[in-house]
C-alpha atoms as a PDB file:
ATOM      1  CA  MET A   1     -38.472 -41.482  18.002  1.00  0.00           C
ATOM      2  CA  LYS A   2     -37.843 -38.283  19.940  1.00  0.00           C
ATOM      3  CA  GLN A   3     -34.259 -39.332  20.522  1.00  0.00           C
ATOM      4  CA  ASP A   4     -33.747 -40.033  16.788  1.00  0.00           C
ATOM      5  CA  ASP A   5     -35.082 -36.561  15.937  1.00  0.00           C
ATOM      6  CA  THR A   6     -32.762 -34.980  18.465  1.00  0.00           C
ATOM      7  CA  LEU A   7     -29.799 -36.962  17.124  1.00  0.00           C
ATOM      8  CA  SER A   8     -30.540 -36.018  13.515  1.00  0.00           C
ATOM      9  CA  ASP A   9     -31.057 -32.371  14.575  1.00  0.00           C
ATOM     10  CA  LEU A  10     -27.676 -32.415  16.309  1.00  0.00           C
ATOM     11  CA  GLN A  11     -26.066 -33.985  13.251  1.00  0.00           C
ATOM     12  CA  ALA A  12     -27.609 -31.332  11.006  1.00  0.00           C
ATOM     13  CA  ARG A  13     -26.434 -28.574  13.334  1.00  0.00           C
ATOM     14  CA  LEU A  14     -22.942 -30.090  13.477  1.00  0.00           C
ATOM     15  CA  THR A  15     -22.804 -30.342   9.694  1.00  0.00           C
ATOM     16  CA  ALA A  16     -23.926 -26.717   9.384  1.00  0.00           C
ATOM     17  CA  LEU A  17     -21.297 -25.616  11.903  1.00  0.00           C
ATOM     18  CA  GLU A  18     -18.571 -27.550  10.098  1.00  0.00           C
ATOM     19  CA  SER A  19     -19.626 -25.967   6.825  1.00  0.00           C
ATOM     20  CA  ARG A  20     -19.547 -22.483   8.364  1.00  0.00           C
ATOM     21  CA  TYR A  21     -16.149 -23.188   9.892  1.00  0.00           C
ATOM     22  CA  ALA A  22     -14.724 -24.323   6.542  1.00  0.00           C
ATOM     23  CA  TYR A  23     -16.146 -21.231   4.828  1.00  0.00           C
ATOM     24  CA  GLN A  24     -14.719 -18.926   7.505  1.00  0.00           C
ATOM     25  CA  GLU A  25     -11.339 -20.640   7.322  1.00  0.00           C
ATOM     26  CA  ASP A  26     -11.243 -20.137   3.557  1.00  0.00           C
ATOM     27  CA  TRP A  27     -12.364 -16.527   3.943  1.00  0.00           C
ATOM     28  CA  LEU A  28      -9.646 -15.861   6.537  1.00  0.00           C
ATOM     29  CA  ASP A  29      -7.009 -17.359   4.240  1.00  0.00           C
ATOM     30  CA  THR A  30      -8.192 -15.109   1.426  1.00  0.00           C
ATOM     31  CA  LEU A  31      -8.174 -12.091   3.726  1.00  0.00           C
ATOM     32  CA  ASP A  32      -4.691 -12.957   4.960  1.00  0.00           C
ATOM     33  CA  ARG A  33      -3.358 -13.154   1.391  1.00  0.00           C
ATOM     34  CA  SER A  34      -5.009  -9.858   0.548  1.00  0.00           C
ATOM     35  CA  VAL A  35      -3.508  -8.116   3.582  1.00  0.00           C
ATOM     36  CA  ALA A  36      -0.065  -9.538   2.749  1.00  0.00           C
ATOM     37  CA  GLN A  37      -0.335  -8.225  -0.826  1.00  0.00           C
ATOM     38  CA  GLN A  38      -1.434  -4.808   0.411  1.00  0.00           C
ATOM     39  CA  GLU A  39       1.454  -4.696   2.871  1.00  0.00           C
ATOM     40  CA  LYS A  40       3.896  -5.523   0.068  1.00  0.00           C
ATOM     41  CA  ARG A  41       2.370  -2.858  -2.181  1.00  0.00           C
ATOM     42  CA  LEU A  42       2.462  -0.293   0.622  1.00  0.00           C
ATOM     43  CA  ALA A  43       6.165  -0.974   1.189  1.00  0.00           C
ATOM     44  CA  GLN A  44       6.792  -0.493  -2.559  1.00  0.00           C
ATOM     45  CA  LEU A  45       4.861   2.773  -2.569  1.00  0.00           C
ATOM     46  CA  GLU A  46       6.740   4.032   0.486  1.00  0.00           C
ATOM     47  CA  ARG A  47      10.080   3.307  -1.227  1.00  0.00           C
ATOM     48  CA  LEU A  48       8.865   5.034  -4.391  1.00  0.00           C
ATOM     49  CA  ASN A  49       7.715   8.020  -2.353  1.00  0.00           C
ATOM     50  CA  GLU A  50      11.140   8.310  -0.700  1.00  0.00           C
ATOM     51  CA  LEU A  51      12.870   8.160  -4.090  1.00  0.00           C
ATOM     52  CA  MET A  52      10.559  10.795  -5.542  1.00  0.00           C
ATOM     53  CA  GLN A  53      11.095  13.113  -2.578  1.00  0.00           C
ATOM     54  CA  ARG A  54      14.857  12.699  -2.866  1.00  0.00           C
ATOM     55  CA  LYS A  55      14.716  13.426  -6.599  1.00  0.00           C
ATOM     56  CA  ILE A  56      12.608  16.543  -6.038  1.00  0.00           C
ATOM     57  CA  ARG A  57      15.034  17.789  -3.369  1.00  0.00           C
ATOM     58  CA  ASP A  58      17.989  17.168  -5.707  1.00  0.00           C
ATOM     59  CA  GLN A  59      16.258  19.026  -8.533  1.00  0.00           C
ATOM     60  CA  GLN A  60      15.398  21.950  -6.271  1.00  0.00           C
ATOM     61  CA  GLN A  61      18.977  22.106  -5.077  1.00  0.00           C
ATOM     62  CA  ALA A  62      20.265  22.000  -8.653  1.00  0.00           C
ATOM     63  CA  LEU A  63      17.888  24.810  -9.639  1.00  0.00           C
ATOM     64  CA  GLN A  64      19.050  26.929  -6.712  1.00  0.00           C
ATOM     65  CA  GLU A  65      22.680  26.316  -7.637  1.00  0.00           C
ATOM     66  CA  ASN A  66      21.958  27.249 -11.253  1.00  0.00           C
ATOM     67  CA  ASP A  67      20.181  30.426 -10.162  1.00  0.00           C
ATOM     68  CA  MET A  68      23.268  31.441  -8.184  1.00  0.00           C
ATOM     69  CA  ALA A  69      25.642  30.554 -11.044  1.00  0.00           C
ATOM     70  CA  LEU A  70      23.772  32.419 -13.781  1.00  0.00           C
ATOM     71  CA  PRO A  71      24.534  36.092 -14.133  1.00  0.00           C
ATOM     72  CA  GLY A  72      21.658  38.321 -13.177  1.00  0.00           C
ATOM     73  CA  PRO A  73      20.737  41.639 -14.799  1.00  0.00           C
ATOM     74  CA  GLU A  74      22.947  43.465 -12.319  1.00  0.00           C
ATOM     75  CA  ASP A  75      25.960  41.417 -13.447  1.00  0.00           C
ATOM     76  CA  GLU A  76      25.569  42.182 -17.140  1.00  0.00           C
ATOM     77  CA  LEU A  77      27.711  44.827 -18.754  1.00  0.00           C
ATOM     78  CA  PRO A  78      25.905  47.636 -20.474  1.00  0.00           C
ATOM     79  CA  PRO A  79      25.873  47.427 -24.305  1.00  0.00           C
ATOM     80  CA  HIS A  80      28.400  50.271 -24.742  1.00  0.00           C
ATOM     81  CA  TYR A  81      31.264  48.307 -23.074  1.00  0.00           C
END
């Protein structure tokens, strides 16, 4: 009888371990998918950030060029000319 109890205890422990293993395997798969999605999103955000920075630099450059091209108060002729 002692041996039967030990065998059934071992079977119960093995079943519990198998259940835990299956749960952990599923959890790791879910985590892996989540990390992959985050990596993809991060790459998209990095590309967007680069585009935005380039656009801001282009706009700043265009503003500086326009500031140089526009006549300033010192370039205007007085009203009596």
